[in-house]
Amino acid sequence: SGTTRTMVFDCAKIVSYVSQLMSLQPGDVIATGTPPGVGM
């Protein structure tokens, strides 16, 4: 039970950052991380 407010890097930062390392094409998907509560 969480919120995207606690993301370290926001959506704009993520897209910009990844695009410096590889080109992103239409249809690519980025999974942006998970809040607490995982089984581990």
All heavy atoms as atom14 arrays in JSON, in Angstrom:
{
  "sequence": "SGTTRTMVFDCAKIVSYVSQLMSLQPGDVIATGTPPGVGM",
  "atom14_mask": [
    [1, 1, 1, 1, 1, 1, 0, 0, 0, 0, 0, 0, 0, 0],
    [1, 1, 1, 1, 0, 0, 0, 0, 0, 0, 0, 0, 0, 0],
    [1, 1, 1, 1, 1, 1, 1, 0, 0, 0, 0, 0, 0, 0],
    [1, 1, 1, 1, 1, 1, 1, 0, 0, 0, 0, 0, 0, 0],
    [1, 1, 1, 1, 1, 1, 1, 1, 1, 1, 1, 0, 0, 0],
    [1, 1, 1, 1, 1, 1, 1, 0, 0, 0, 0, 0, 0, 0],
    [1, 1, 1, 1, 1, 1, 1, 1, 0, 0, 0, 0, 0, 0],
    [1, 1, 1, 1, 1, 1, 1, 0, 0, 0, 0, 0, 0, 0],
    [1, 1, 1, 1, 1, 1, 1, 1, 1, 1, 1, 0, 0, 0],
    [1, 1, 1, 1, 1, 1, 1, 1, 0, 0, 0, 0, 0, 0],
    [1, 1, 1, 1, 1, 1, 0, 0, 0, 0, 0, 0, 0, 0],
    [1, 1, 1, 1, 1, 0, 0, 0, 0, 0, 0, 0, 0, 0],
    [1, 1, 1, 1, 1, 1, 1, 1, 1, 0, 0, 0, 0, 0],
    [1, 1, 1, 1, 1, 1, 1, 1, 0, 0, 0, 0, 0, 0],
    [1, 1, 1, 1, 1, 1, 1, 0, 0, 0, 0, 0, 0, 0],
    [1, 1, 1, 1, 1, 1, 0, 0, 0, 0, 0, 0, 0, 0],
    [1, 1, 1, 1, 1, 1, 1, 1, 1, 1, 1, 1, 0, 0],
    [1, 1, 1, 1, 1, 1, 1, 0, 0, 0, 0, 0, 0, 0],
    [1, 1, 1, 1, 1, 1, 0, 0, 0, 0, 0, 0, 0, 0],
    [1, 1, 1, 1, 1, 1, 1, 1, 1, 0, 0, 0, 0, 0],
    [1, 1, 1, 1, 1, 1, 1, 1, 0, 0, 0, 0, 0, 0],
    [1, 1, 1, 1, 1, 1, 1, 1, 0, 0, 0, 0, 0, 0],
    [1, 1, 1, 1, 1, 1, 0, 0, 0, 0, 0, 0, 0, 0],
    [1, 1, 1, 1, 1, 1, 1, 1, 0, 0, 0, 0, 0, 0],
    [1, 1, 1, 1, 1, 1, 1, 1, 1, 0, 0, 0, 0, 0],
    [1, 1, 1, 1, 1, 1, 1, 0, 0, 0, 0, 0, 0, 0],
    [1, 1, 1, 1, 0, 0, 0, 0, 0, 0, 0, 0, 0, 0],
    [1, 1, 1, 1, 1, 1, 1, 1, 0, 0, 0, 0, 0, 0],
    [1, 1, 1, 1, 1, 1, 1, 0, 0, 0, 0, 0, 0, 0],
    [1, 1, 1, 1, 1, 1, 1, 1, 0, 0, 0, 0, 0, 0],
    [1, 1, 1, 1, 1, 0, 0, 0, 0, 0, 0, 0, 0, 0],
    [1, 1, 1, 1, 1, 1, 1, 0, 0, 0, 0, 0, 0, 0],
    [1, 1, 1, 1, 0, 0, 0, 0, 0, 0, 0, 0, 0, 0],
    [1, 1, 1, 1, 1, 1, 1, 0, 0, 0, 0, 0, 0, 0],
    [1, 1, 1, 1, 1, 1, 1, 0, 0, 0, 0, 0, 0, 0],
    [1, 1, 1, 1, 1, 1, 1, 0, 0, 0, 0, 0, 0, 0],
    [1, 1, 1, 1, 0, 0, 0, 0, 0, 0, 0, 0, 0, 0],
    [1, 1, 1, 1, 1, 1, 1, 0, 0, 0, 0, 0, 0, 0],
    [1, 1, 1, 1, 0, 0, 0, 0, 0, 0, 0, 0, 0, 0],
    [1, 1, 1, 1, 1, 1, 1, 1, 0, 0, 0, 0, 0, 0]
  ],
  "atom14_positions": [
    [[0.87, -1.16, 0.0], [0.0, 0.0, 0.0], [0.91, 1.22, 0.0], [1.6, 1.49, 0.99], [-0.91, 0.01, 1.23], [-1.74, 1.14, 1.23], [0.0, 0.0, 0.0], [0.0, 0.0, 0.0], [0.0, 0.0, 0.0], [0.0, 0.0, 0.0], [0.0, 0.0, 0.0], [0.0, 0.0, 0.0], [0.0, 0.0, 0.0], [0.0, 0.0, 0.0]],
    [[0.96, 1.91, -1.13], [1.9, 3.02, -1.25], [1.4, 4.05, -2.22], [0.24, 4.06, -2.63], [0.0, 0.0, 0.0], [0.0, 0.0, 0.0], [0.0, 0.0, 0.0], [0.0, 0.0, 0.0], [0.0, 0.0, 0.0], [0.0, 0.0, 0.0], [0.0, 0.0, 0.0], [0.0, 0.0, 0.0], [0.0, 0.0, 0.0], [0.0, 0.0, 0.0]],
    [[2.3, 4.92, -2.61], [1.97, 6.01, -3.52], [3.2, 6.35, -4.34], [4.34, 6.22, -3.87], [1.49, 7.25, -2.75], [1.44, 8.37, -3.64], [2.42, 7.59, -1.6], [0.0, 0.0, 0.0], [0.0, 0.0, 0.0], [0.0, 0.0, 0.0], [0.0, 0.0, 0.0], [0.0, 0.0, 0.0], [0.0, 0.0, 0.0], [0.0, 0.0, 0.0]],
    [[2.96, 6.8, -5.56], [4.08, 7.21, -6.41], [4.77, 8.47, -5.91], [5.8, 8.86, -6.45], [3.6, 7.43, -7.86], [2.52, 8.39, -7.87], [3.09, 6.14, -8.48], [0.0, 0.0, 0.0], [0.0, 0.0, 0.0], [0.0, 0.0, 0.0], [0.0, 0.0, 0.0], [0.0, 0.0, 0.0], [0.0, 0.0, 0.0], [0.0, 0.0, 0.0]],
    [[4.23, 9.08, -4.85], [4.9, 10.25, -4.27], [6.27, 9.91, -3.71], [7.12, 10.79, -3.61], [4.03, 10.87, -3.17], [2.79, 11.6, -3.64], [2.19, 12.47, -2.54], [1.83, 11.7, -1.37], [0.64, 11.13, -1.18], [-0.3, 11.24, -2.11], [0.37, 10.45, -0.08], [0.0, 0.0, 0.0], [0.0, 0.0, 0.0], [0.0, 0.0, 0.0]],
    [[6.47, 8.65, -3.32], [7.76, 8.29, -2.71], [8.78, 7.76, -3.72], [9.81, 7.23, -3.33], [7.56, 7.26, -1.58], [7.07, 6.04, -2.11], [6.61, 7.8, -0.52], [0.0, 0.0, 0.0], [0.0, 0.0, 0.0], [0.0, 0.0, 0.0], [0.0, 0.0, 0.0], [0.0, 0.0, 0.0], [0.0, 0.0, 0.0], [0.0, 0.0, 0.0]],
    [[8.48, 7.91, -5.01], [9.48, 7.56, -6.02], [10.71, 8.43, -5.86], [10.61, 9.64, -5.67], [8.89, 7.71, -7.43], [7.9, 6.61, -7.81], [7.03, 6.9, -9.39], [8.39, 6.87, -10.55], [0.0, 0.0, 0.0], [0.0, 0.0, 0.0], [0.0, 0.0, 0.0], [0.0, 0.0, 0.0], [0.0, 0.0, 0.0], [0.0, 0.0, 0.0]],
    [[11.88, 7.81, -5.95], [13.14, 8.56, -5.87], [13.34, 9.39, -7.13], [13.69, 10.56, -7.08], [14.32, 7.59, -5.64], [15.64, 8.36, -5.58], [14.12, 6.77, -4.37], [0.0, 0.0, 0.0], [0.0, 0.0, 0.0], [0.0, 0.0, 0.0], [0.0, 0.0, 0.0], [0.0, 0.0, 0.0], [0.0, 0.0, 0.0], [0.0, 0.0, 0.0]],
    [[13.14, 8.74, -8.26], [13.27, 9.4, -9.57], [11.9, 9.41, -10.22], [11.27, 8.36, -10.39], [14.29, 8.67, -10.45], [15.63, 8.48, -9.78], [16.0, 7.24, -9.28], [16.49, 9.55, -9.63], [17.23, 7.06, -8.66], [17.73, 9.39, -9.0], [18.1, 8.15, -8.51], [0.0, 0.0, 0.0], [0.0, 0.0, 0.0], [0.0, 0.0, 0.0]],
    [[11.4, 10.6, -10.61], [10.06, 10.69, -11.17], [10.04, 10.27, -12.63], [11.07, 9.94, -13.23], [9.48, 12.1, -10.96], [10.24, 13.2, -11.71], [11.01, 12.89, -12.64], [10.05, 14.37, -11.34], [0.0, 0.0, 0.0], [0.0, 0.0, 0.0], [0.0, 0.0, 0.0], [0.0, 0.0, 0.0], [0.0, 0.0, 0.0], [0.0, 0.0, 0.0]],
    [[8.85, 10.27, -13.21], [8.69, 9.76, -14.58], [9.52, 10.52, -15.59], [10.14, 9.93, -16.49], [7.21, 9.78, -14.97], [6.16, 8.65, -14.02], [0.0, 0.0, 0.0], [0.0, 0.0, 0.0], [0.0, 0.0, 0.0], [0.0, 0.0, 0.0], [0.0, 0.0, 0.0], [0.0, 0.0, 0.0], [0.0, 0.0, 0.0], [0.0, 0.0, 0.0]],
    [[9.57, 11.85, -15.47], [10.35, 12.65, -16.41], [11.83, 12.32, -16.31], [12.53, 12.17, -17.33], [10.11, 14.14, -16.15], [0.0, 0.0, 0.0], [0.0, 0.0, 0.0], [0.0, 0.0, 0.0], [0.0, 0.0, 0.0], [0.0, 0.0, 0.0], [0.0, 0.0, 0.0], [0.0, 0.0, 0.0], [0.0, 0.0, 0.0], [0.0, 0.0, 0.0]],
    [[12.33, 12.19, -15.09], [13.74, 11.85, -14.88], [14.04, 10.47, -15.46], [15.09, 10.28, -16.11], [14.06, 11.88, -13.38], [15.46, 11.38, -13.03], [16.54, 12.31, -13.55], [17.92, 11.86, -13.09], [18.98, 12.78, -13.57], [0.0, 0.0, 0.0], [0.0, 0.0, 0.0], [0.0, 0.0, 0.0], [0.0, 0.0, 0.0], [0.0, 0.0, 0.0]],
    [[13.14, 9.52, -15.23], [13.39, 8.16, -15.7], [13.47, 8.11, -17.23], [14.41, 7.53, -17.8], [12.28, 7.22, -15.19], [12.46, 6.99, -13.69], [12.29, 5.9, -15.94], [11.28, 6.29, -13.04], [0.0, 0.0, 0.0], [0.0, 0.0, 0.0], [0.0, 0.0, 0.0], [0.0, 0.0, 0.0], [0.0, 0.0, 0.0], [0.0, 0.0, 0.0]],
    [[12.49, 8.71, -17.92], [12.51, 8.67, -19.38], [13.76, 9.37, -19.92], [14.44, 8.86, -20.82], [11.23, 9.31, -19.96], [11.34, 9.46, -21.48], [10.01, 8.47, -19.6], [0.0, 0.0, 0.0], [0.0, 0.0, 0.0], [0.0, 0.0, 0.0], [0.0, 0.0, 0.0], [0.0, 0.0, 0.0], [0.0, 0.0, 0.0], [0.0, 0.0, 0.0]],
    [[14.09, 10.52, -19.36], [15.28, 11.24, -19.81], [16.53, 10.42, -19.56], [17.4, 10.27, -20.45], [15.37, 12.58, -19.09], [16.58, 13.24, -19.42], [0.0, 0.0, 0.0], [0.0, 0.0, 0.0], [0.0, 0.0, 0.0], [0.0, 0.0, 0.0], [0.0, 0.0, 0.0], [0.0, 0.0, 0.0], [0.0, 0.0, 0.0], [0.0, 0.0, 0.0]],
    [[16.65, 9.84, -18.37], [17.84, 9.08, -18.0], [18.03, 7.87, -18.91], [19.12, 7.64, -19.45], [17.74, 8.65, -16.54], [18.96, 7.92, -16.02], [20.01, 8.63, -15.44], [19.07, 6.54, -16.1], [21.14, 7.97, -14.96], [20.19, 5.87, -15.62], [21.21, 6.59, -15.04], [22.33, 5.93, -14.57], [0.0, 0.0, 0.0], [0.0, 0.0, 0.0]],
    [[16.96, 7.07, -19.06], [17.08, 5.88, -19.9], [17.43, 6.25, -21.33], [18.21, 5.57, -22.0], [15.78, 5.05, -19.84], [15.86, 3.86, -20.8], [15.51, 4.55, -18.42], [0.0, 0.0, 0.0], [0.0, 0.0, 0.0], [0.0, 0.0, 0.0], [0.0, 0.0, 0.0], [0.0, 0.0, 0.0], [0.0, 0.0, 0.0], [0.0, 0.0, 0.0]],
    [[16.88, 7.37, -21.81], [17.13, 7.78, -23.2], [18.57, 8.2, -23.44], [19.0, 8.31, -24.6], [16.18, 8.9, -23.61], [16.62, 10.17, -23.15], [0.0, 0.0, 0.0], [0.0, 0.0, 0.0], [0.0, 0.0, 0.0], [0.0, 0.0, 0.0], [0.0, 0.0, 0.0], [0.0, 0.0, 0.0], [0.0, 0.0, 0.0], [0.0, 0.0, 0.0]],
    [[19.33, 8.46, -22.37], [20.75, 8.76, -22.53], [21.55, 7.48, -22.76], [22.7, 7.53, -23.25], [21.31, 9.47, -21.29], [20.49, 10.61, -20.74], [20.25, 11.72, -21.74], [21.17, 12.19, -22.41], [18.99, 12.15, -21.84], [0.0, 0.0, 0.0], [0.0, 0.0, 0.0], [0.0, 0.0, 0.0], [0.0, 0.0, 0.0], [0.0, 0.0, 0.0]],
    [[20.98, 6.33, -22.39], [21.69, 5.06, -22.44], [21.25, 4.17, -23.6], [22.02, 3.32, -24.06], [21.48, 4.3, -21.12], [21.89, 5.07, -19.86], [21.45, 4.31, -18.62], [23.39, 5.32, -19.84], [0.0, 0.0, 0.0], [0.0, 0.0, 0.0], [0.0, 0.0, 0.0], [0.0, 0.0, 0.0], [0.0, 0.0, 0.0], [0.0, 0.0, 0.0]],
    [[20.02, 4.34, -24.03], [19.48, 3.57, -25.15], [18.32, 4.35, -25.74], [17.64, 5.07, -25.02], [19.0, 2.19, -24.68], [17.83, 2.23, -23.72], [17.42, 0.64, -22.97], [18.65, 0.56, -21.65], [0.0, 0.0, 0.0], [0.0, 0.0, 0.0], [0.0, 0.0, 0.0], [0.0, 0.0, 0.0], [0.0, 0.0, 0.0], [0.0, 0.0, 0.0]],
    [[18.11, 4.22, -27.02], [16.95, 4.89, -27.61], [15.69, 4.14, -27.19], [15.67, 2.91, -27.08], [17.06, 4.94, -29.13], [17.07, 3.64, -29.68], [0.0, 0.0, 0.0], [0.0, 0.0, 0.0], [0.0, 0.0, 0.0], [0.0, 0.0, 0.0], [0.0, 0.0, 0.0], [0.0, 0.0, 0.0], [0.0, 0.0, 0.0], [0.0, 0.0, 0.0]],
    [[14.66, 4.91, -26.94], [13.36, 4.35, -26.61], [12.45, 4.49, -27.82], [12.4, 5.55, -28.44], [12.76, 5.07, -25.4], [13.51, 4.86, -24.08], [13.04, 5.84, -23.02], [13.34, 3.42, -23.6], [0.0, 0.0, 0.0], [0.0, 0.0, 0.0], [0.0, 0.0, 0.0], [0.0, 0.0, 0.0], [0.0, 0.0, 0.0], [0.0, 0.0, 0.0]],
    [[11.74, 3.43, -28.13], [10.91, 3.39, -29.32], [9.43, 3.3, -28.93], [9.09, 2.84, -27.84], [11.28, 2.19, -30.19], [12.75, 2.12, -30.56], [13.22, 3.34, -31.32], [12.47, 3.89, -32.12], [14.45, 3.76, -31.09], [0.0, 0.0, 0.0], [0.0, 0.0, 0.0], [0.0, 0.0, 0.0], [0.0, 0.0, 0.0], [0.0, 0.0, 0.0]],
    [[8.52, 3.75, -29.81], [7.1, 3.62, -29.52], [6.73, 2.18, -29.16], [7.1, 1.24, -29.87], [6.43, 4.06, -30.82], [7.41, 4.99, -31.46], [8.76, 4.41, -31.12], [0.0, 0.0, 0.0], [0.0, 0.0, 0.0], [0.0, 0.0, 0.0], [0.0, 0.0, 0.0], [0.0, 0.0, 0.0], [0.0, 0.0, 0.0], [0.0, 0.0, 0.0]],
    [[6.04, 2.04, -28.05], [5.67, 0.7, -27.58], [6.58, 0.14, -26.52], [6.24, -0.85, -25.88], [0.0, 0.0, 0.0], [0.0, 0.0, 0.0], [0.0, 0.0, 0.0], [0.0, 0.0, 0.0], [0.0, 0.0, 0.0], [0.0, 0.0, 0.0], [0.0, 0.0, 0.0], [0.0, 0.0, 0.0], [0.0, 0.0, 0.0], [0.0, 0.0, 0.0]],
    [[7.75, 0.73, -26.31], [8.59, 0.3, -25.19], [7.88, 0.63, -23.88], [7.14, 1.62, -23.78], [9.95, 0.99, -25.21], [10.86, 0.49, -26.32], [10.55, -0.56, -26.92], [11.88, 1.15, -26.58], [0.0, 0.0, 0.0], [0.0, 0.0, 0.0], [0.0, 0.0, 0.0], [0.0, 0.0, 0.0], [0.0, 0.0, 0.0], [0.0, 0.0, 0.0]],
    [[8.11, -0.19, -22.86], [7.49, 0.02, -21.55], [8.58, 0.1, -20.49], [9.55, -0.67, -20.52], [6.52, -1.14, -21.21], [5.97, -0.98, -19.79], [5.37, -1.18, -22.21], [0.0, 0.0, 0.0], [0.0, 0.0, 0.0], [0.0, 0.0, 0.0], [0.0, 0.0, 0.0], [0.0, 0.0, 0.0], [0.0, 0.0, 0.0], [0.0, 0.0, 0.0]],
    [[8.43, 1.05, -19.57], [9.34, 1.18, -18.44], [8.54, 0.94, -17.17], [7.57, 1.65, -16.89], [10.0, 2.57, -18.38], [10.71, 2.89, -19.7], [11.0, 2.63, -17.22], [11.28, 4.31, -19.75], [0.0, 0.0, 0.0], [0.0, 0.0, 0.0], [0.0, 0.0, 0.0], [0.0, 0.0, 0.0], [0.0, 0.0, 0.0], [0.0, 0.0, 0.0]],
    [[8.95, -0.06, -16.38], [8.37, -0.31, -15.06], [9.19, 0.5, -14.06], [10.41, 0.34, -13.98], [8.4, -1.8, -14.73], [0.0, 0.0, 0.0], [0.0, 0.0, 0.0], [0.0, 0.0, 0.0], [0.0, 0.0, 0.0], [0.0, 0.0, 0.0], [0.0, 0.0, 0.0], [0.0, 0.0, 0.0], [0.0, 0.0, 0.0], [0.0, 0.0, 0.0]],
    [[8.53, 1.36, -13.3], [9.23, 2.44, -12.59], [9.55, 2.16, -11.13], [9.94, 3.06, -10.39], [8.4, 3.73, -12.67], [7.11, 3.51, -12.08], [8.23, 4.17, -14.11], [0.0, 0.0, 0.0], [0.0, 0.0, 0.0], [0.0, 0.0, 0.0], [0.0, 0.0, 0.0], [0.0, 0.0, 0.0], [0.0, 0.0, 0.0], [0.0, 0.0, 0.0]],
    [[9.43, 0.92, -10.68], [9.77, 0.59, -9.3], [8.54, 0.33, -8.45], [7.41, 0.57, -8.87], [0.0, 0.0, 0.0], [0.0, 0.0, 0.0], [0.0, 0.0, 0.0], [0.0, 0.0, 0.0], [0.0, 0.0, 0.0], [0.0, 0.0, 0.0], [0.0, 0.0, 0.0], [0.0, 0.0, 0.0], [0.0, 0.0, 0.0], [0.0, 0.0, 0.0]],
    [[8.77, -0.18, -7.24], [7.66, -0.65, -6.41], [7.73, -0.06, -5.01], [8.82, 0.18, -4.48], [7.68, -2.19, -6.33], [6.42, -2.67, -5.88], [8.78, -2.71, -5.4], [0.0, 0.0, 0.0], [0.0, 0.0, 0.0], [0.0, 0.0, 0.0], [0.0, 0.0, 0.0], [0.0, 0.0, 0.0], [0.0, 0.0, 0.0], [0.0, 0.0, 0.0]],
    [[6.57, 0.19, -4.39], [6.55, 0.65, -3.0], [6.82, -0.51, -2.04], [6.94, -1.67, -2.47], [5.13, 1.2, -2.85], [4.32, 0.4, -3.81], [5.23, 0.12, -4.97], [0.0, 0.0, 0.0], [0.0, 0.0, 0.0], [0.0, 0.0, 0.0], [0.0, 0.0, 0.0], [0.0, 0.0, 0.0], [0.0, 0.0, 0.0], [0.0, 0.0, 0.0]],
    [[6.87, -0.24, -0.73], [7.18, -1.31, 0.23], [6.05, -2.32, 0.33], [4.93, -2.09, -0.09], [7.36, -0.55, 1.55], [6.57, 0.69, 1.39], [6.7, 1.06, -0.06], [0.0, 0.0, 0.0], [0.0, 0.0, 0.0], [0.0, 0.0, 0.0], [0.0, 0.0, 0.0], [0.0, 0.0, 0.0], [0.0, 0.0, 0.0], [0.0, 0.0, 0.0]],
    [[6.4, -3.48, 0.92], [5.42, -4.53, 1.14], [5.68, -5.79, 0.32], [4.84, -6.7, 0.31], [0.0, 0.0, 0.0], [0.0, 0.0, 0.0], [0.0, 0.0, 0.0], [0.0, 0.0, 0.0], [0.0, 0.0, 0.0], [0.0, 0.0, 0.0], [0.0, 0.0, 0.0], [0.0, 0.0, 0.0], [0.0, 0.0, 0.0], [0.0, 0.0, 0.0]],
    [[6.83, -5.87, -0.33], [7.15, -7.09, -1.08], [7.44, -8.22, -0.11], [7.78, -8.0, 1.08], [8.34, -6.86, -2.04], [8.0, -5.79, -3.06], [9.61, -6.49, -1.27], [0.0, 0.0, 0.0], [0.0, 0.0, 0.0], [0.0, 0.0, 0.0], [0.0, 0.0, 0.0], [0.0, 0.0, 0.0], [0.0, 0.0, 0.0], [0.0, 0.0, 0.0]],
    [[7.33, -9.44, -0.59], [7.54, -10.6, 0.27], [8.93, -10.66, 0.86], [9.12, -11.09, 2.01], [0.0, 0.0, 0.0], [0.0, 0.0, 0.0], [0.0, 0.0, 0.0], [0.0, 0.0, 0.0], [0.0, 0.0, 0.0], [0.0, 0.0, 0.0], [0.0, 0.0, 0.0], [0.0, 0.0, 0.0], [0.0, 0.0, 0.0], [0.0, 0.0, 0.0]],
    [[9.93, -10.23, 0.09], [11.31, -10.25, 0.55], [11.52, -9.36, 1.76], [12.38, -9.6, 2.6], [12.23, -9.8, -0.59], [13.71, -9.78, -0.25], [14.75, -9.41, -1.7], [14.23, -7.74, -2.07], [0.0, 0.0, 0.0], [0.0, 0.0, 0.0], [0.0, 0.0, 0.0], [0.0, 0.0, 0.0], [0.0, 0.0, 0.0], [0.0, 0.0, 0.0]]
  ]
}
